[in-house]
């Protein structure tokens, strides 16, 4: 993984709390292309839990955080 991709991954992981469901379209809007998302999934950093929804790989918490409200969605990219 290149330094730029690794840096982007580190920023994403450090900015999102455990249990957050990430929206693929939000990731694209914030510079994480669909191709890059696929690479993260193949490298087992993230996994799909439905169409356009990702969580950290192995994050099987009973309660996944699902934030509502415009500001939270925009800031975290979470699905409500």
PDB file of N, CA and C in Angstrom:
ATOM      1  N   UNK A   1       0.857  -1.167   0.000  1.00  0.00           N
ATOM      2  CA  UNK A   1       0.000   0.000   0.000  1.00  0.00           C
ATOM      3  C   UNK A   1       0.905   1.232   0.000  1.00  0.00           C
ATOM      4  N   UNK A   2       0.623   2.170  -0.913  1.00  0.00           N
ATOM      5  CA  UNK A   2       1.454   3.368  -1.006  1.00  0.00           C
ATOM      6  C   UNK A   2       1.290   4.244   0.231  1.00  0.00           C
ATOM      7  N   UNK A   3       2.240   5.158   0.409  1.00  0.00           N
ATOM      8  CA  UNK A   3       2.219   6.040   1.584  1.00  0.00           C
ATOM      9  C   UNK A   3       0.970   6.904   1.603  1.00  0.00           C
ATOM     10  N   UNK A   4       0.531   7.402   0.432  1.00  0.00           N
ATOM     11  CA  UNK A   4      -0.661   8.250   0.376  1.00  0.00           C
ATOM     12  C   UNK A   4      -1.911   7.475   0.772  1.00  0.00           C
ATOM     13  N   UNK A   5      -2.040   6.264   0.261  1.00  0.00           N
ATOM     14  CA  UNK A   5      -3.199   5.428   0.587  1.00  0.00           C
ATOM     15  C   UNK A   5      -3.170   5.056   2.064  1.00  0.00           C
ATOM     16  N   UNK A   6      -1.997   4.739   2.563  1.00  0.00           N
ATOM     17  CA  UNK A   6      -1.853   4.393   3.977  1.00  0.00           C
ATOM     18  C   UNK A   6      -2.206   5.587   4.870  1.00  0.00           C
ATOM     19  N   UNK A   7      -1.780   6.779   4.462  1.00  0.00           N
ATOM     20  CA  UNK A   7      -2.083   7.989   5.216  1.00  0.00           C
ATOM     21  C   UNK A   7      -3.590   8.262   5.229  1.00  0.00           C
ATOM     22  N   UNK A   8      -4.239   8.064   4.077  1.00  0.00           N
ATOM     23  CA  UNK A   8      -5.692   8.262   4.007  1.00  0.00           C
ATOM     24  C   UNK A   8      -6.400   7.267   4.915  1.00  0.00           C
ATOM     25  N   UNK A   9      -5.931   6.031   4.895  1.00  0.00           N
ATOM     26  CA  UNK A   9      -6.533   5.000   5.742  1.00  0.00           C
ATOM     27  C   UNK A   9      -6.358   5.365   7.212  1.00  0.00           C
ATOM     28  N   UNK A  10      -5.175   5.794   7.593  1.00  0.00           N
ATOM     29  CA  UNK A  10      -4.937   6.184   8.988  1.00  0.00           C
ATOM     30  C   UNK A  10      -5.840   7.332   9.404  1.00  0.00           C
ATOM     31  N   UNK A  11      -6.018   8.330   8.528  1.00  0.00           N
ATOM     32  CA  UNK A  11      -6.914   9.448   8.841  1.00  0.00           C
ATOM     33  C   UNK A  11      -8.337   8.959   9.034  1.00  0.00           C
ATOM     34  N   UNK A  12      -8.786   8.070   8.160  1.00  0.00           N
ATOM     35  CA  UNK A  12     -10.149   7.556   8.253  1.00  0.00           C
ATOM     36  C   UNK A  12     -10.345   6.760   9.536  1.00  0.00           C
ATOM     37  N   UNK A  13      -9.429   5.860   9.827  1.00  0.00           N
ATOM     38  CA  UNK A  13      -9.548   5.031  11.029  1.00  0.00           C
ATOM     39  C   UNK A  13      -9.499   5.869  12.304  1.00  0.00           C
ATOM     40  N   UNK A  14      -8.675   6.884  12.322  1.00  0.00           N
ATOM     41  CA  UNK A  14      -8.552   7.687  13.545  1.00  0.00           C
ATOM     42  C   UNK A  14      -9.708   8.668  13.714  1.00  0.00           C
ATOM     43  N   UNK A  15     -10.429   8.969  12.641  1.00  0.00           N
ATOM     44  CA  UNK A  15     -11.522   9.946  12.741  1.00  0.00           C
ATOM     45  C   UNK A  15     -12.880   9.300  12.999  1.00  0.00           C
ATOM     46  N   UNK A  16     -12.957   7.987  12.908  1.00  0.00           N
ATOM     47  CA  UNK A  16     -14.239   7.303  13.060  1.00  0.00           C
ATOM     48  C   UNK A  16     -14.210   6.383  14.279  1.00  0.00           C
ATOM     49  N   UNK A  17     -15.168   6.547  15.185  1.00  0.00           N
ATOM     50  CA  UNK A  17     -15.205   5.649  16.346  1.00  0.00           C
ATOM     51  C   UNK A  17     -15.600   4.232  15.934  1.00  0.00           C
ATOM     52  N   UNK A  18     -15.257   3.276  16.752  1.00  0.00           N
ATOM     53  CA  UNK A  18     -15.663   1.891  16.501  1.00  0.00           C
ATOM     54  C   UNK A  18     -17.181   1.809  16.443  1.00  0.00           C
ATOM     55  N   UNK A  19     -17.691   0.975  15.568  1.00  0.00           N
ATOM     56  CA  UNK A  19     -19.125   0.756  15.475  1.00  0.00           C
ATOM     57  C   UNK A  19     -19.837   1.657  14.501  1.00  0.00           C
ATOM     58  N   UNK A  20     -19.142   2.607  13.902  1.00  0.00           N
ATOM     59  CA  UNK A  20     -19.783   3.510  12.953  1.00  0.00           C
ATOM     60  C   UNK A  20     -19.961   2.809  11.615  1.00  0.00           C
ATOM     61  N   UNK A  21     -21.149   2.943  11.053  1.00  0.00           N
ATOM     62  CA  UNK A  21     -21.429   2.442   9.712  1.00  0.00           C
ATOM     63  C   UNK A  21     -21.117   3.574   8.744  1.00  0.00           C
ATOM     64  N   UNK A  22     -20.191   3.325   7.837  1.00  0.00           N
ATOM     65  CA  UNK A  22     -19.789   4.341   6.875  1.00  0.00           C
ATOM     66  C   UNK A  22     -20.551   4.175   5.570  1.00  0.00           C
ATOM     67  N   UNK A  23     -20.980   5.272   5.022  1.00  0.00           N
ATOM     68  CA  UNK A  23     -21.697   5.289   3.756  1.00  0.00           C
ATOM     69  C   UNK A  23     -20.681   5.438   2.622  1.00  0.00           C
ATOM     70  N   UNK A  24     -20.743   4.544   1.663  1.00  0.00           N
ATOM     71  CA  UNK A  24     -19.810   4.556   0.549  1.00  0.00           C
ATOM     72  C   UNK A  24     -19.850   5.884  -0.212  1.00  0.00           C
ATOM     73  N   UNK A  25     -21.028   6.444  -0.400  1.00  0.00           N
ATOM     74  CA  UNK A  25     -21.130   7.712  -1.133  1.00  0.00           C
ATOM     75  C   UNK A  25     -20.452   8.847  -0.355  1.00  0.00           C
ATOM     76  N   UNK A  26     -20.544   8.828   0.968  1.00  0.00           N
ATOM     77  CA  UNK A  26     -19.851   9.833   1.779  1.00  0.00           C
ATOM     78  C   UNK A  26     -18.351   9.676   1.619  1.00  0.00           C
ATOM     79  N   UNK A  27     -17.881   8.428   1.611  1.00  0.00           N
ATOM     80  CA  UNK A  27     -16.458   8.198   1.434  1.00  0.00           C
ATOM     81  C   UNK A  27     -15.981   8.747   0.091  1.00  0.00           C
ATOM     82  N   UNK A  28     -16.748   8.523  -0.973  1.00  0.00           N
ATOM     83  CA  UNK A  28     -16.391   9.046  -2.297  1.00  0.00           C
ATOM     84  C   UNK A  28     -16.321  10.573  -2.252  1.00  0.00           C
ATOM     85  N   UNK A  29     -17.327  11.199  -1.641  1.00  0.00           N
ATOM     86  CA  UNK A  29     -17.353  12.662  -1.533  1.00  0.00           C
ATOM     87  C   UNK A  29     -16.148  13.203  -0.772  1.00  0.00           C
ATOM     88  N   UNK A  30     -15.571  12.379   0.085  1.00  0.00           N
ATOM     89  CA  UNK A  30     -14.441  12.806   0.910  1.00  0.00           C
ATOM     90  C   UNK A  30     -13.106  12.235   0.441  1.00  0.00           C
ATOM     91  N   UNK A  31     -13.052  11.820  -0.821  1.00  0.00           N
ATOM     92  CA  UNK A  31     -11.776  11.442  -1.426  1.00  0.00           C
ATOM     93  C   UNK A  31     -11.410   9.974  -1.383  1.00  0.00           C
ATOM     94  N   UNK A  32     -12.339   9.107  -0.974  1.00  0.00           N
ATOM     95  CA  UNK A  32     -12.071   7.666  -0.932  1.00  0.00           C
ATOM     96  C   UNK A  32     -12.836   7.016  -2.079  1.00  0.00           C
ATOM     97  N   UNK A  33     -12.188   6.877  -3.221  1.00  0.00           N
ATOM     98  CA  UNK A  33     -12.851   6.358  -4.422  1.00  0.00           C
ATOM     99  C   UNK A  33     -13.395   4.949  -4.191  1.00  0.00           C
ATOM    100  N   UNK A  34     -14.287   4.536  -5.065  1.00  0.00           N
ATOM    101  CA  UNK A  34     -14.826   3.174  -4.974  1.00  0.00           C
ATOM    102  C   UNK A  34     -13.707   2.147  -5.108  1.00  0.00           C
ATOM    103  N   UNK A  35     -12.735   2.437  -5.978  1.00  0.00           N
ATOM    104  CA  UNK A  35     -11.592   1.540  -6.145  1.00  0.00           C
ATOM    105  C   UNK A  35     -10.798   1.438  -4.845  1.00  0.00           C
ATOM    106  N   UNK A  36     -10.584   2.567  -4.197  1.00  0.00           N
ATOM    107  CA  UNK A  36      -9.848   2.566  -2.933  1.00  0.00           C
ATOM    108  C   UNK A  36     -10.633   1.820  -1.851  1.00  0.00           C
ATOM    109  N   UNK A  37     -11.947   1.987  -1.834  1.00  0.00           N
ATOM    110  CA  UNK A  37     -12.776   1.250  -0.876  1.00  0.00           C
ATOM    111  C   UNK A  37     -12.654  -0.250  -1.106  1.00  0.00           C
ATOM    112  N   UNK A  38     -12.625  -0.666  -2.373  1.00  0.00           N
ATOM    113  CA  UNK A  38     -12.449  -2.086  -2.690  1.00  0.00           C
ATOM    114  C   UNK A  38     -11.097  -2.597  -2.180  1.00  0.00           C
ATOM    115  N   UNK A  39     -10.058  -1.780  -2.333  1.00  0.00           N
ATOM    116  CA  UNK A  39      -8.725  -2.167  -1.845  1.00  0.00           C
ATOM    117  C   UNK A  39      -8.730  -2.320  -0.324  1.00  0.00           C
ATOM    118  N   UNK A  40      -9.420  -1.414   0.357  1.00  0.00           N
ATOM    119  CA  UNK A  40      -9.516  -1.516   1.813  1.00  0.00           C
ATOM    120  C   UNK A  40     -10.259  -2.790   2.213  1.00  0.00           C
ATOM    121  N   UNK A  41     -11.294  -3.141   1.459  1.00  0.00           N
ATOM    122  CA  UNK A  41     -12.037  -4.374   1.770  1.00  0.00           C
ATOM    123  C   UNK A  41     -11.174  -5.602   1.487  1.00  0.00           C
ATOM    124  N   UNK A  42     -10.461  -5.609   0.378  1.00  0.00           N
ATOM    125  CA  UNK A  42      -9.591  -6.746   0.054  1.00  0.00           C
ATOM    126  C   UNK A  42      -8.473  -6.908   1.074  1.00  0.00           C
ATOM    127  N   UNK A  43      -8.027  -5.786   1.638  1.00  0.00           N
ATOM    128  CA  UNK A  43      -6.977  -5.819   2.656  1.00  0.00           C
ATOM    129  C   UNK A  43      -7.551  -6.066   4.047  1.00  0.00           C
ATOM    130  N   UNK A  44      -8.848  -6.257   4.127  1.00  0.00           N
ATOM    131  CA  UNK A  44      -9.576  -6.544   5.362  1.00  0.00           C
ATOM    132  C   UNK A  44      -9.480  -5.424   6.400  1.00  0.00           C
ATOM    133  N   UNK A  45      -9.533  -4.186   5.915  1.00  0.00           N
ATOM    134  CA  UNK A  45      -9.673  -3.051   6.826  1.00  0.00           C
ATOM    135  C   UNK A  45     -11.141  -2.746   7.058  1.00  0.00           C
ATOM    136  N   UNK A  46     -11.958  -2.969   6.024  1.00  0.00           N
ATOM    137  CA  UNK A  46     -13.398  -2.733   6.090  1.00  0.00           C
ATOM    138  C   UNK A  46     -14.128  -3.899   5.456  1.00  0.00           C
ATOM    139  N   UNK A  47     -15.408  -4.025   5.785  1.00  0.00           N
ATOM    140  CA  UNK A  47     -16.245  -5.034   5.146  1.00  0.00           C
ATOM    141  C   UNK A  47     -17.618  -4.434   4.873  1.00  0.00           C
ATOM    142  N   UNK A  48     -18.251  -4.944   3.833  1.00  0.00           N
ATOM    143  CA  UNK A  48     -19.597  -4.494   3.483  1.00  0.00           C
ATOM    144  C   UNK A  48     -20.609  -5.152   4.401  1.00  0.00           C
ATOM    145  N   UNK A  49     -21.610  -4.376   4.802  1.00  0.00           N
ATOM    146  CA  UNK A  49     -22.708  -4.946   5.585  1.00  0.00           C
ATOM    147  C   UNK A  49     -24.032  -4.706   4.877  1.00  0.00           C
ATOM    148  N   UNK A  50     -23.953  -4.295   3.637  1.00  0.00           N
ATOM    149  CA  UNK A  50     -25.131  -4.012   2.822  1.00  0.00           C
ATOM    150  C   UNK A  50     -24.714  -3.109   1.680  1.00  0.00           C
ATOM    151  N   UNK A  51     -25.643  -2.812   0.815  1.00  0.00           N
ATOM    152  CA  UNK A  51     -25.340  -1.965  -0.332  1.00  0.00           C
ATOM    153  C   UNK A  51     -24.934  -0.571   0.140  1.00  0.00           C
ATOM    154  N   UNK A  52     -23.692  -0.193  -0.150  1.00  0.00           N
ATOM    155  CA  UNK A  52     -23.203   1.136   0.187  1.00  0.00           C
ATOM    156  C   UNK A  52     -22.898   1.365   1.655  1.00  0.00           C
ATOM    157  N   UNK A  53     -22.793   0.292   2.436  1.00  0.00           N
ATOM    158  CA  UNK A  53     -22.535   0.429   3.871  1.00  0.00           C
ATOM    159  C   UNK A  53     -21.307  -0.392   4.252  1.00  0.00           C
ATOM    160  N   UNK A  54     -20.386   0.238   4.964  1.00  0.00           N
ATOM    161  CA  UNK A  54     -19.147  -0.415   5.381  1.00  0.00           C
ATOM    162  C   UNK A  54     -18.940  -0.246   6.876  1.00  0.00           C
ATOM    163  N   UNK A  55     -18.298  -1.237   7.471  1.00  0.00           N
ATOM    164  CA  UNK A  55     -17.836  -1.135   8.855  1.00  0.00           C
ATOM    165  C   UNK A  55     -16.391  -1.630   8.887  1.00  0.00           C
ATOM    166  N   UNK A  56     -15.707  -1.329   9.986  1.00  0.00           N
ATOM    167  CA  UNK A  56     -14.362  -1.870  10.139  1.00  0.00           C
ATOM    168  C   UNK A  56     -14.435  -3.389  10.145  1.00  0.00           C
ATOM    169  N   UNK A  57     -13.455  -4.011   9.543  1.00  0.00           N
ATOM    170  CA  UNK A  57     -13.424  -5.465   9.473  1.00  0.00           C
ATOM    171  C   UNK A  57     -13.430  -6.051  10.883  1.00  0.00           C
ATOM    172  N   UNK A  58     -14.301  -7.018  11.111  1.00  0.00           N
ATOM    173  CA  UNK A  58     -14.371  -7.701  12.387  1.00  0.00           C
ATOM    174  C   UNK A  58     -15.154  -6.973  13.455  1.00  0.00           C
ATOM    175  N   UNK A  59     -15.661  -5.771  13.131  1.00  0.00           N
ATOM    176  CA  UNK A  59     -16.443  -5.016  14.103  1.00  0.00           C
ATOM    177  C   UNK A  59     -17.845  -5.608  14.146  1.00  0.00           C
ATOM    178  N   UNK A  60     -18.061  -6.498  15.061  1.00  0.00           N
ATOM    179  CA  UNK A  60     -19.338  -7.206  15.164  1.00  0.00           C
ATOM    180  C   UNK A  60     -20.093  -6.793  16.417  1.00  0.00           C
ATOM    181  N   UNK A  61     -19.888  -5.544  16.839  1.00  0.00           N
ATOM    182  CA  UNK A  61     -20.557  -5.120  18.062  1.00  0.00           C
ATOM    183  C   UNK A  61     -22.060  -5.278  17.942  1.00  0.00           C
ATOM    184  N   UNK A  62     -22.664  -5.592  19.041  1.00  0.00           N
ATOM    185  CA  UNK A  62     -24.110  -5.768  19.101  1.00  0.00           C
ATOM    186  C   UNK A  62     -24.831  -4.498  18.668  1.00  0.00           C
ATOM    187  N   UNK A  63     -24.280  -3.376  19.054  1.00  0.00           N
ATOM    188  CA  UNK A  63     -24.910  -2.107  18.749  1.00  0.00           C
ATOM    189  C   UNK A  63     -24.005  -1.297  17.850  1.00  0.00           C
ATOM    190  N   UNK A  64     -24.360  -1.204  16.589  1.00  0.00           N
ATOM    191  CA  UNK A  64     -23.621  -0.349  15.675  1.00  0.00           C
ATOM    192  C   UNK A  64     -24.164   1.061  15.801  1.00  0.00           C
ATOM    193  N   UNK A  65     -23.266   2.016  15.848  1.00  0.00           N
ATOM    194  CA  UNK A  65     -23.679   3.406  15.977  1.00  0.00           C
ATOM    195  C   UNK A  65     -24.300   3.865  14.660  1.00  0.00           C
ATOM    196  N   UNK A  66     -25.480   4.396  14.746  1.00  0.00           N
ATOM    197  CA  UNK A  66     -26.143   4.952  13.585  1.00  0.00           C
ATOM    198  C   UNK A  66     -26.627   6.344  13.960  1.00  0.00           C
ATOM    199  N   UNK A  67     -25.927   7.317  13.466  1.00  0.00           N
ATOM    200  CA  UNK A  67     -26.222   8.687  13.844  1.00  0.00           C
ATOM    201  C   UNK A  67     -27.242   9.294  12.902  1.00  0.00           C
ATOM    202  N   UNK A  68     -28.131  10.106  13.456  1.00  0.00           N
ATOM    203  CA  UNK A  68     -29.061  10.831  12.613  1.00  0.00           C
ATOM    204  C   UNK A  68     -28.769  12.310  12.754  1.00  0.00           C
ATOM    205  N   UNK A  69     -29.322  13.071  11.876  1.00  0.00           N
ATOM    206  CA  UNK A  69     -29.064  14.504  11.878  1.00  0.00           C
ATOM    207  C   UNK A  69     -28.061  14.849  10.809  1.00  0.00           C
ATOM    208  N   UNK A  70     -28.305  15.934  10.154  1.00  0.00           N
ATOM    209  CA  UNK A  70     -27.470  16.334   9.023  1.00  0.00           C
ATOM    210  C   UNK A  70     -26.010  16.518   9.385  1.00  0.00           C
ATOM    211  N   UNK A  71     -25.734  17.218  10.464  1.00  0.00           N
ATOM    212  CA  UNK A  71     -24.362  17.508  10.828  1.00  0.00           C
ATOM    213  C   UNK A  71     -23.585  16.220  11.114  1.00  0.00           C
ATOM    214  N   UNK A  72     -24.190  15.311  11.847  1.00  0.00           N
ATOM    215  CA  UNK A  72     -23.507  14.060  12.173  1.00  0.00           C
ATOM    216  C   UNK A  72     -23.245  13.233  10.935  1.00  0.00           C
ATOM    217  N   UNK A  73     -24.223  13.146  10.052  1.00  0.00           N
ATOM    218  CA  UNK A  73     -24.043  12.378   8.827  1.00  0.00           C
ATOM    219  C   UNK A  73     -22.927  12.977   8.001  1.00  0.00           C
ATOM    220  N   UNK A  74     -22.943  14.284   7.857  1.00  0.00           N
ATOM    221  CA  UNK A  74     -21.952  14.941   7.040  1.00  0.00           C
ATOM    222  C   UNK A  74     -20.557  14.829   7.657  1.00  0.00           C
ATOM    223  N   UNK A  75     -20.458  14.943   8.953  1.00  0.00           N
ATOM    224  CA  UNK A  75     -19.169  14.905   9.629  1.00  0.00           C
ATOM    225  C   UNK A  75     -18.598  13.499   9.679  1.00  0.00           C
ATOM    226  N   UNK A  76     -19.418  12.521   9.978  1.00  0.00           N
ATOM    227  CA  UNK A  76     -18.939  11.163  10.162  1.00  0.00           C
ATOM    228  C   UNK A  76     -19.213  10.238   8.983  1.00  0.00           C
ATOM    229  N   UNK A  77     -20.126  10.616   8.117  1.00  0.00           N
ATOM    230  CA  UNK A  77     -20.474   9.736   7.011  1.00  0.00           C
ATOM    231  C   UNK A  77     -21.269   8.538   7.461  1.00  0.00           C
ATOM    232  N   UNK A  78     -21.975   8.672   8.543  1.00  0.00           N
ATOM    233  CA  UNK A  78     -22.719   7.547   9.094  1.00  0.00           C
ATOM    234  C   UNK A  78     -24.089   7.429   8.440  1.00  0.00           C
ATOM    235  N   UNK A  79     -24.615   6.245   8.444  1.00  0.00           N
ATOM    236  CA  UNK A  79     -25.932   5.973   7.913  1.00  0.00           C
ATOM    237  C   UNK A  79     -26.924   5.960   9.069  1.00  0.00           C
ATOM    238  N   UNK A  80     -28.093   6.526   8.844  1.00  0.00           N
ATOM    239  CA  UNK A  80     -29.113   6.454   9.894  1.00  0.00           C
ATOM    240  C   UNK A  80     -30.191   5.494   9.475  1.00  0.00           C
TER     241      UNK A  80
END
